[in-house]
C-alpha atoms as a PDB file:
ATOM      1  CA  MET A   1      64.435  99.462  49.722  1.00  0.00           C
ATOM      2  CA  MET A   2      65.740 102.872  48.043  1.00  0.00           C
ATOM      3  CA  VAL A   3      68.792 102.581  45.879  1.00  0.00           C
ATOM      4  CA  ASN A   4      70.735 105.843  44.142  1.00  0.00           C
ATOM      5  CA  GLY A   5      70.838 104.906  40.716  1.00  0.00           C
ATOM      6  CA  SER A   6      73.519 105.852  39.458  1.00  0.00           C
ATOM      7  CA  THR A   7      75.597 103.669  41.538  1.00  0.00           C
ATOM      8  CA  GLY A   8      73.556 101.300  42.910  1.00  0.00           C
ATOM      9  CA  GLU A   9      74.262 101.738  46.525  1.00  0.00           C
ATOM     10  CA  THR A  10      71.775 100.835  49.088  1.00  0.00           C
ATOM     11  CA  PHE A  11      71.250 103.475  51.950  1.00  0.00           C
ATOM     12  CA  PHE A  12      68.715 101.079  53.692  1.00  0.00           C
ATOM     13  CA  PRO A  13      68.605  96.917  54.793  1.00  0.00           C
ATOM     14  CA  ARG A  14      66.589  95.411  52.226  1.00  0.00           C
ATOM     15  CA  ALA A  15      63.353  95.123  52.783  1.00  0.00           C
ATOM     16  CA  PRO A  16      60.225  93.086  50.512  1.00  0.00           C
ATOM     17  CA  ARG A  17      58.202  94.749  48.811  1.00  0.00           C
ATOM     18  CA  TRP A  18      54.247  93.837  48.422  1.00  0.00           C
ATOM     19  CA  THR A  19      52.760  94.662  45.187  1.00  0.00           C
ATOM     20  CA  ARG A  20      50.318  91.958  44.890  1.00  0.00           C
ATOM     21  CA  LEU A  21      47.430  95.063  45.698  1.00  0.00           C
ATOM     22  CA  GLY A  22      48.691  96.979  43.407  1.00  0.00           C
ATOM     23  CA  VAL A  23      50.011 100.122  45.491  1.00  0.00           C
ATOM     24  CA  PRO A  24      53.494  98.515  46.930  1.00  0.00           C
ATOM     25  CA  VAL A  25      53.297  98.062  50.414  1.00  0.00           C
ATOM     26  CA  ASP A  26      57.255  98.007  51.636  1.00  0.00           C
ATOM     27  CA  ALA A  27      57.561  95.611  54.786  1.00  0.00           C
ATOM     28  CA  VAL A  28      58.988  97.866  56.981  1.00  0.00           C
ATOM     29  CA  GLY A  29      58.315  98.616  60.749  1.00  0.00           C
ATOM     30  CA  PHE A  30      57.578 102.190  62.205  1.00  0.00           C
ATOM     31  CA  ASP A  31      61.809 102.297  63.395  1.00  0.00           C
ATOM     32  CA  GLY A  32      62.210 100.854  59.651  1.00  0.00           C
ATOM     33  CA  ALA A  33      60.256 103.491  57.678  1.00  0.00           C
ATOM     34  CA  VAL A  34      62.201 106.215  59.955  1.00  0.00           C
ATOM     35  CA  ALA A  35      65.490 105.040  59.386  1.00  0.00           C
ATOM     36  CA  CYS A  36      64.688 105.261  55.533  1.00  0.00           C
ATOM     37  CA  VAL A  37      63.646 108.523  55.409  1.00  0.00           C
ATOM     38  CA  ARG A  38      67.170 109.490  57.639  1.00  0.00           C
ATOM     39  CA  ALA A  39      68.933 107.406  54.947  1.00  0.00           C
ATOM     40  CA  MET A  40      67.342 109.605  51.958  1.00  0.00           C
ATOM     41  CA  LEU A  41      67.625 112.893  53.888  1.00  0.00           C
ATOM     42  CA  GLU A  42      71.275 112.355  54.806  1.00  0.00           C
ATOM     43  CA  HIS A  43      72.419 111.388  51.058  1.00  0.00           C
ATOM     44  CA  GLN A  44      69.979 113.472  49.566  1.00  0.00           C
ATOM     45  CA  THR A  45      68.435 111.326  47.473  1.00  0.00           C
ATOM     46  CA  GLY A  46      65.578 112.740  46.526  1.00  0.00           C
ATOM     47  CA  GLY A  47      62.136 110.895  46.344  1.00  0.00           C
ATOM     48  CA  TRP A  48      59.229 110.467  48.499  1.00  0.00           C
ATOM     49  CA  VAL A  49      57.489 108.605  50.679  1.00  0.00           C
ATOM     50  CA  ALA A  50      54.251 106.648  50.224  1.00  0.00           C
ATOM     51  CA  THR A  51      51.538 106.290  53.207  1.00  0.00           C
ATOM     52  CA  PRO A  52      48.688 103.936  51.576  1.00  0.00           C
ATOM     53  CA  ASN A  53      45.265 102.526  53.124  1.00  0.00           C
ATOM     54  CA  PRO A  54      42.496 100.753  51.878  1.00  0.00           C
ATOM     55  CA  GLU A  55      41.035 104.091  50.236  1.00  0.00           C
ATOM     56  CA  ILE A  56      43.831 104.998  49.025  1.00  0.00           C
ATOM     57  CA  VAL A  57      44.426 101.100  47.985  1.00  0.00           C
ATOM     58  CA  TYR A  58      40.485 101.192  46.666  1.00  0.00           C
ATOM     59  CA  SER A  59      40.851 104.607  44.621  1.00  0.00           C
ATOM     60  CA  THR A  60      44.227 103.268  42.787  1.00  0.00           C
ATOM     61  CA  TRP A  61      41.955  99.872  41.757  1.00  0.00           C
ATOM     62  CA  ARG A  62      38.773 102.785  39.747  1.00  0.00           C
ATOM     63  CA  ASN A  63      41.245 104.645  38.755  1.00  0.00           C
ATOM     64  CA  PRO A  64      44.326 102.443  37.427  1.00  0.00           C
ATOM     65  CA  SER A  65      46.373 105.091  35.538  1.00  0.00           C
ATOM     66  CA  LEU A  66      47.501 106.145  39.302  1.00  0.00           C
ATOM     67  CA  LEU A  67      49.159 102.737  39.801  1.00  0.00           C
ATOM     68  CA  PRO A  68      52.466 104.083  38.250  1.00  0.00           C
ATOM     69  CA  VAL A  69      52.372 106.855  40.945  1.00  0.00           C
ATOM     70  CA  MET A  70      52.024 104.826  43.473  1.00  0.00           C
ATOM     71  CA  ALA A  71      54.662 102.855  41.845  1.00  0.00           C
ATOM     72  CA  GLY A  72      57.715 105.222  41.912  1.00  0.00           C
ATOM     73  CA  ALA A  73      57.714 106.017  45.508  1.00  0.00           C
ATOM     74  CA  SER A  74      60.784 105.576  47.005  1.00  0.00           C
ATOM     75  CA  LEU A  75      59.316 104.343  50.380  1.00  0.00           C
ATOM     76  CA  SER A  76      55.752 103.133  50.761  1.00  0.00           C
ATOM     77  CA  VAL A  77      54.200 102.284  54.333  1.00  0.00           C
ATOM     78  CA  ALA A  78      51.086 100.321  55.401  1.00  0.00           C
ATOM     79  CA  ASP A  79      49.020 103.030  56.713  1.00  0.00           C
ATOM     80  CA  GLY A  80      46.122 101.256  57.640  1.00  0.00           C
ATOM     81  CA  ILE A  81      45.543  98.208  60.104  1.00  0.00           C
ATOM     82  CA  GLY A  82      43.105  96.684  56.752  1.00  0.00           C
ATOM     83  CA  LEU A  83      46.564  96.292  54.383  1.00  0.00           C
ATOM     84  CA  ILE A  84      48.007  94.378  57.622  1.00  0.00           C
ATOM     85  CA  TRP A  85      44.571  92.269  56.853  1.00  0.00           C
ATOM     86  CA  ALA A  86      45.418  92.108  53.260  1.00  0.00           C
ATOM     87  CA  SER A  87      48.112  90.435  53.611  1.00  0.00           C
ATOM     88  CA  ARG A  88      47.308  87.860  56.110  1.00  0.00           C
ATOM     89  CA  VAL A  89      44.749  86.794  53.699  1.00  0.00           C
ATOM     90  CA  LEU A  90      46.772  86.708  50.242  1.00  0.00           C
ATOM     91  CA  GLY A  91      49.658  84.909  51.623  1.00  0.00           C
ATOM     92  CA  GLY A  92      51.998  88.423  51.890  1.00  0.00           C
ATOM     93  CA  PRO A  93      54.989  89.435  54.199  1.00  0.00           C
ATOM     94  CA  ALA A  94      53.994  90.601  57.875  1.00  0.00           C
ATOM     95  CA  LEU A  95      53.413  93.852  57.664  1.00  0.00           C
ATOM     96  CA  ASP A  96      53.553  96.143  60.574  1.00  0.00           C
ATOM     97  CA  ARG A  97      51.631  99.482  60.653  1.00  0.00           C
ATOM     98  CA  VAL A  98      53.299 102.637  60.302  1.00  0.00           C
ATOM     99  CA  HIS A  99      50.723 105.600  61.493  1.00  0.00           C
ATOM    100  CA  GLY A 100      51.690 108.231  58.367  1.00  0.00           C
ATOM    101  CA  ILE A 101      51.485 111.066  61.950  1.00  0.00           C
ATOM    102  CA  ASP A 102      53.978 109.007  63.923  1.00  0.00           C
ATOM    103  CA  LEU A 103      56.028 108.794  61.364  1.00  0.00           C
ATOM    104  CA  VAL A 104      56.012 112.958  60.118  1.00  0.00           C
ATOM    105  CA  SER A 105      56.354 113.571  63.893  1.00  0.00           C
ATOM    106  CA  ALA A 106      59.524 110.949  64.303  1.00  0.00           C
ATOM    107  CA  VAL A 107      61.269 112.781  60.852  1.00  0.00           C
ATOM    108  CA  LEU A 108      59.883 116.699  62.524  1.00  0.00           C
ATOM    109  CA  SER A 109      62.268 115.129  65.450  1.00  0.00           C
ATOM    110  CA  LEU A 110      64.874 114.235  63.346  1.00  0.00           C
ATOM    111  CA  CYS A 111      64.936 117.548  61.377  1.00  0.00           C
ATOM    112  CA  ALA A 112      64.957 119.817  64.328  1.00  0.00           C
ATOM    113  CA  GLU A 113      67.959 117.751  65.928  1.00  0.00           C
ATOM    114  CA  GLU A 114      69.831 117.669  61.869  1.00  0.00           C
ATOM    115  CA  GLY A 115      68.886 121.408  61.733  1.00  0.00           C
ATOM    116  CA  LEU A 116      66.879 121.140  58.264  1.00  0.00           C
ATOM    117  CA  PRO A 117      64.294 123.351  56.893  1.00  0.00           C
ATOM    118  CA  VAL A 118      61.034 122.057  56.190  1.00  0.00           C
ATOM    119  CA  PHE A 119      57.899 122.933  53.811  1.00  0.00           C
ATOM    120  CA  PHE A 120      54.436 122.765  55.133  1.00  0.00           C
ATOM    121  CA  LEU A 121      52.246 122.361  52.052  1.00  0.00           C
ATOM    122  CA  GLY A 122      48.653 121.659  52.043  1.00  0.00           C
ATOM    123  CA  GLY A 123      45.506 122.033  53.514  1.00  0.00           C
ATOM    124  CA  LEU A 124      42.721 124.821  54.191  1.00  0.00           C
ATOM    125  CA  PRO A 125      43.893 128.735  54.087  1.00  0.00           C
ATOM    126  CA  GLY A 126      45.286 128.826  57.251  1.00  0.00           C
ATOM    127  CA  VAL A 127      46.267 125.074  58.496  1.00  0.00           C
ATOM    128  CA  ALA A 128      50.097 124.779  56.523  1.00  0.00           C
ATOM    129  CA  ALA A 129      50.743 127.749  58.505  1.00  0.00           C
ATOM    130  CA  GLY A 130      49.443 126.407  61.957  1.00  0.00           C
ATOM    131  CA  ALA A 131      50.974 123.163  61.247  1.00  0.00           C
ATOM    132  CA  ALA A 132      54.012 124.895  60.832  1.00  0.00           C
ATOM    133  CA  ARG A 133      53.732 127.173  64.108  1.00  0.00           C
ATOM    134  CA  ARG A 134      52.502 124.771  66.018  1.00  0.00           C
ATOM    135  CA  ALA A 135      55.881 122.058  64.916  1.00  0.00           C
ATOM    136  CA  ALA A 136      58.207 124.630  66.201  1.00  0.00           C
ATOM    137  CA  GLU A 137      56.950 124.676  69.600  1.00  0.00           C
ATOM    138  CA  LEU A 138      56.681 120.617  70.094  1.00  0.00           C
ATOM    139  CA  TRP A 139      60.243 120.063  68.222  1.00  0.00           C
ATOM    140  CA  PRO A 140      62.244 122.645  69.707  1.00  0.00           C
ATOM    141  CA  GLY A 141      65.287 123.813  66.857  1.00  0.00           C
ATOM    142  CA  LEU A 142      62.919 122.820  63.836  1.00  0.00           C
ATOM    143  CA  ARG A 143      64.142 125.144  60.855  1.00  0.00           C
ATOM    144  CA  THR A 144      60.260 126.191  59.028  1.00  0.00           C
ATOM    145  CA  ALA A 145      61.231 126.964  55.713  1.00  0.00           C
ATOM    146  CA  GLY A 146      57.369 127.980  54.908  1.00  0.00           C
ATOM    147  CA  ALA A 147      54.242 127.206  54.422  1.00  0.00           C
ATOM    148  CA  HIS A 148      51.309 127.236  51.963  1.00  0.00           C
ATOM    149  CA  HIS A 149      47.629 126.123  51.677  1.00  0.00           C
ATOM    150  CA  GLY A 150      46.849 123.001  49.008  1.00  0.00           C
ATOM    151  CA  TYR A 151      43.826 124.669  47.456  1.00  0.00           C
ATOM    152  CA  PHE A 152      45.601 125.655  44.344  1.00  0.00           C
ATOM    153  CA  ASP A 153      44.500 123.977  40.560  1.00  0.00           C
ATOM    154  CA  LYS A 154      46.527 122.907  37.742  1.00  0.00           C
ATOM    155  CA  ALA A 155      47.611 126.518  36.074  1.00  0.00           C
ATOM    156  CA  GLY A 156      48.719 127.646  40.268  1.00  0.00           C
ATOM    157  CA  GLU A 157      51.295 124.467  40.824  1.00  0.00           C
ATOM    158  CA  PRO A 158      54.265 126.369  38.821  1.00  0.00           C
ATOM    159  CA  GLU A 159      53.832 129.361  41.611  1.00  0.00           C
ATOM    160  CA  VAL A 160      53.753 127.346  44.005  1.00  0.00           C
ATOM    161  CA  LEU A 161      56.684 124.933  43.518  1.00  0.00           C
ATOM    162  CA  ALA A 162      58.785 128.091  42.693  1.00  0.00           C
ATOM    163  CA  ALA A 163      57.652 128.837  46.185  1.00  0.00           C
ATOM    164  CA  VAL A 164      58.904 125.623  47.147  1.00  0.00           C
ATOM    165  CA  VAL A 165      62.125 126.051  45.311  1.00  0.00           C
ATOM    166  CA  ARG A 166      62.807 129.077  46.493  1.00  0.00           C
ATOM    167  CA  ALA A 167      62.469 127.802  50.231  1.00  0.00           C
ATOM    168  CA  GLY A 168      65.021 125.177  50.384  1.00  0.00           C
ATOM    169  CA  PRO A 169      63.960 122.946  52.334  1.00  0.00           C
ATOM    170  CA  ARG A 170      65.043 119.429  52.836  1.00  0.00           C
ATOM    171  CA  LEU A 171      61.751 117.932  53.718  1.00  0.00           C
ATOM    172  CA  VAL A 172      58.229 118.463  51.776  1.00  0.00           C
ATOM    173  CA  LEU A 173      54.997 118.025  54.499  1.00  0.00           C
ATOM    174  CA  ALA A 174      52.412 117.547  51.262  1.00  0.00           C
ATOM    175  CA  GLY A 175      48.985 117.516  52.977  1.00  0.00           C
ATOM    176  CA  MET A 176      46.969 117.532  49.763  1.00  0.00           C
ATOM    177  CA  GLY A 177      44.424 114.351  50.258  1.00  0.00           C
ATOM    178  CA  HIS A 178      44.732 111.685  47.996  1.00  0.00           C
ATOM    179  CA  PRO A 179      45.430 111.393  44.936  1.00  0.00           C
ATOM    180  CA  LYS A 180      47.029 115.479  44.428  1.00  0.00           C
ATOM    181  CA  GLN A 181      49.651 114.978  47.245  1.00  0.00           C
ATOM    182  CA  GLU A 182      51.520 112.088  45.726  1.00  0.00           C
ATOM    183  CA  LEU A 183      50.799 112.595  41.865  1.00  0.00           C
ATOM    184  CA  TRP A 184      52.094 117.028  43.371  1.00  0.00           C
ATOM    185  CA  LEU A 185      55.142 114.855  44.635  1.00  0.00           C
ATOM    186  CA  ALA A 186      55.544 112.416  41.568  1.00  0.00           C
ATOM    187  CA  GLU A 187      55.587 115.110  39.260  1.00  0.00           C
ATOM    188  CA  ASN A 188      57.837 117.756  41.462  1.00  0.00           C
ATOM    189  CA  ILE A 189      59.641 116.940  44.299  1.00  0.00           C
ATOM    190  CA  GLN A 190      62.807 115.947  42.197  1.00  0.00           C
ATOM    191  CA  SER A 191      62.974 119.993  41.626  1.00  0.00           C
ATOM    192  CA  VAL A 192      63.495 120.652  44.795  1.00  0.00           C
ATOM    193  CA  PRO A 193      67.191 119.649  45.187  1.00  0.00           C
ATOM    194  CA  GLY A 194      67.976 117.553  47.882  1.00  0.00           C
ATOM    195  CA  ALA A 195      64.460 117.350  49.014  1.00  0.00           C
ATOM    196  CA  VAL A 196      62.428 114.113  50.312  1.00  0.00           C
ATOM    197  CA  GLY A 197      58.851 114.662  50.488  1.00  0.00           C
ATOM    198  CA  ILE A 198      56.254 113.230  52.605  1.00  0.00           C
ATOM    199  CA  ALA A 199      52.540 112.376  51.524  1.00  0.00           C
ATOM    200  CA  CYS A 200      50.650 112.561  54.903  1.00  0.00           C
ATOM    201  CA  GLY A 201      46.853 113.290  54.090  1.00  0.00           C
ATOM    202  CA  GLY A 202      45.896 114.726  57.132  1.00  0.00           C
ATOM    203  CA  THR A 203      48.721 115.630  59.387  1.00  0.00           C
ATOM    204  CA  LEU A 204      48.882 118.929  58.981  1.00  0.00           C
ATOM    205  CA  ASP A 205      44.926 119.271  59.909  1.00  0.00           C
ATOM    206  CA  VAL A 206      45.955 117.599  62.444  1.00  0.00           C
ATOM    207  CA  LEU A 207      49.292 119.304  63.895  1.00  0.00           C
ATOM    208  CA  ALA A 208      47.528 122.362  63.370  1.00  0.00           C
ATOM    209  CA  GLY A 209      44.286 121.619  66.181  1.00  0.00           C
ATOM    210  CA  PHE A 210      41.962 121.492  63.163  1.00  0.00           C
ATOM    211  CA  VAL A 211      40.989 118.045  63.449  1.00  0.00           C
ATOM    212  CA  ARG A 212      41.601 116.150  66.518  1.00  0.00           C
ATOM    213  CA  ARG A 213      42.981 112.897  66.286  1.00  0.00           C
ATOM    214  CA  ALA A 214      42.112 109.644  68.135  1.00  0.00           C
ATOM    215  CA  PRO A 215      42.995 109.048  71.765  1.00  0.00           C
ATOM    216  CA  ALA A 216      45.323 106.495  71.674  1.00  0.00           C
ATOM    217  CA  TRP A 217      43.319 103.830  73.298  1.00  0.00           C
ATOM    218  CA  ILE A 218      41.434 103.149  69.616  1.00  0.00           C
ATOM    219  CA  ARG A 219      44.277 103.621  68.077  1.00  0.00           C
ATOM    220  CA  GLN A 220      45.774 100.453  69.788  1.00  0.00           C
ATOM    221  CA  ALA A 221      42.903  98.769  69.576  1.00  0.00           C
ATOM    222  CA  ASN A 222      42.883  99.375  65.899  1.00  0.00           C
ATOM    223  CA  LEU A 223      39.968 101.315  65.652  1.00  0.00           C
ATOM    224  CA  GLU A 224      40.944 104.739  64.252  1.00  0.00           C
ATOM    225  CA  TRP A 225      39.339 103.714  61.240  1.00  0.00           C
ATOM    226  CA  LEU A 226      36.317 103.912  62.429  1.00  0.00           C
ATOM    227  CA  PHE A 227      36.991 107.055  64.630  1.00  0.00           C
ATOM    228  CA  ARG A 228      37.528 109.200  61.572  1.00  0.00           C
ATOM    229  CA  LEU A 229      34.153 107.503  59.738  1.00  0.00           C
ATOM    230  CA  LEU A 230      32.510 108.853  63.037  1.00  0.00           C
ATOM    231  CA  SER A 231      34.621 112.188  63.607  1.00  0.00           C
ATOM    232  CA  ALA A 232      33.939 113.345  59.743  1.00  0.00           C
ATOM    233  CA  PRO A 233      30.322 113.407  58.927  1.00  0.00           C
ATOM    234  CA  GLY A 234      31.034 114.918  55.290  1.00  0.00           C
ATOM    235  CA  THR A 235      33.438 111.680  54.749  1.00  0.00           C
ATOM    236  CA  ARG A 236      31.172 109.233  56.384  1.00  0.00           C
ATOM    237  CA  GLY A 237      29.390 107.979  53.405  1.00  0.00           C
ATOM    238  CA  ARG A 238      32.138 107.380  51.268  1.00  0.00           C
ATOM    239  CA  ARG A 239      33.818 105.731  53.454  1.00  0.00           C
ATOM    240  CA  ALA A 240      31.208 103.853  54.401  1.00  0.00           C
ATOM    241  CA  LEU A 241      31.244 102.456  51.086  1.00  0.00           C
ATOM    242  CA  VAL A 242      34.568 101.930  50.489  1.00  0.00           C
ATOM    243  CA  LEU A 243      35.843  99.080  52.949  1.00  0.00           C
ATOM    244  CA  PRO A 244      33.506  97.071  52.336  1.00  0.00           C
ATOM    245  CA  SER A 245      34.175  97.446  48.845  1.00  0.00           C
ATOM    246  CA  PHE A 246      38.390  96.993  49.484  1.00  0.00           C
ATOM    247  CA  VAL A 247      37.708  93.690  52.088  1.00  0.00           C
ATOM    248  CA  ALA A 248      35.087  92.228  49.540  1.00  0.00           C
ATOM    249  CA  ARG A 249      37.804  92.367  46.426  1.00  0.00           C
ATOM    250  CA  VAL A 250      40.610  91.129  48.714  1.00  0.00           C
ATOM    251  CA  LEU A 251      38.637  88.302  49.160  1.00  0.00           C
ATOM    252  CA  ALA A 252      37.761  87.977  45.868  1.00  0.00           C
ATOM    253  CA  MET A 253      41.944  87.490  45.050  1.00  0.00           C
ATOM    254  CA  ARG A 254      41.833  85.129  48.090  1.00  0.00           C
ATOM    255  CA  LEU A 255      39.146  83.095  46.269  1.00  0.00           C
ATOM    256  CA  GLY A 256      40.698  83.442  42.629  1.00  0.00           C
ATOM    257  CA  ILE A 257      37.580  85.705  41.777  1.00  0.00           C
ATOM    258  CA  ARG A 258      38.295  87.945  39.116  1.00  0.00           C
ATOM    259  CA  ARG A 259      36.479  91.638  39.451  1.00  0.00           C
END
């Protein structure tokens, strides 16, 4: 639940925040998540949205310093069927999967309707600009405030942030991979007046046409993780190791075994 820190006013319905995995997950469905982002945009409270999946959760287990970063997200949605499964195994709340790319699409549609400018940040050089062009085609009337690739180091962050601030976006789509995108949003989104950030992983690559999304029937069968595993040889080995490790740790938690 997002709360205005100065007034305590709630901007959207209360939803349980499940924290058993360390990384918080809000028990909101797709419509609820869109409503939350709409409220954040309307009230210009700032903040950012996390889209954790099993890989991100496992990464925070291996690097606990990332846990407070993830806990600082204004909204955290389950973008992975593994989190739905984990909640069931561990007796958590009923979670609905919220695909990050679907959430981004809905929010871009909203921004087009309301005339809210969007900044595209991430990917290889050319990806963010391509995603911005394609988004403008898909959602007529969308105002693209700017675009910048995600291949910059810590020393280059001030220059990138200055470019984003000058562009004056109300929505920043950060697709730089975990944990860079979450760290950037946690450290910088409050410096962009009235802007909401969404950590959107590979969404920019899909929008730009650099990566093909799984067919609808695969997504409906909750097998998009397998599609990504088979279609991305460069990350196949890493993902093949992470998923069993995630499952094993969740089962250990269920059995009360400390790992």
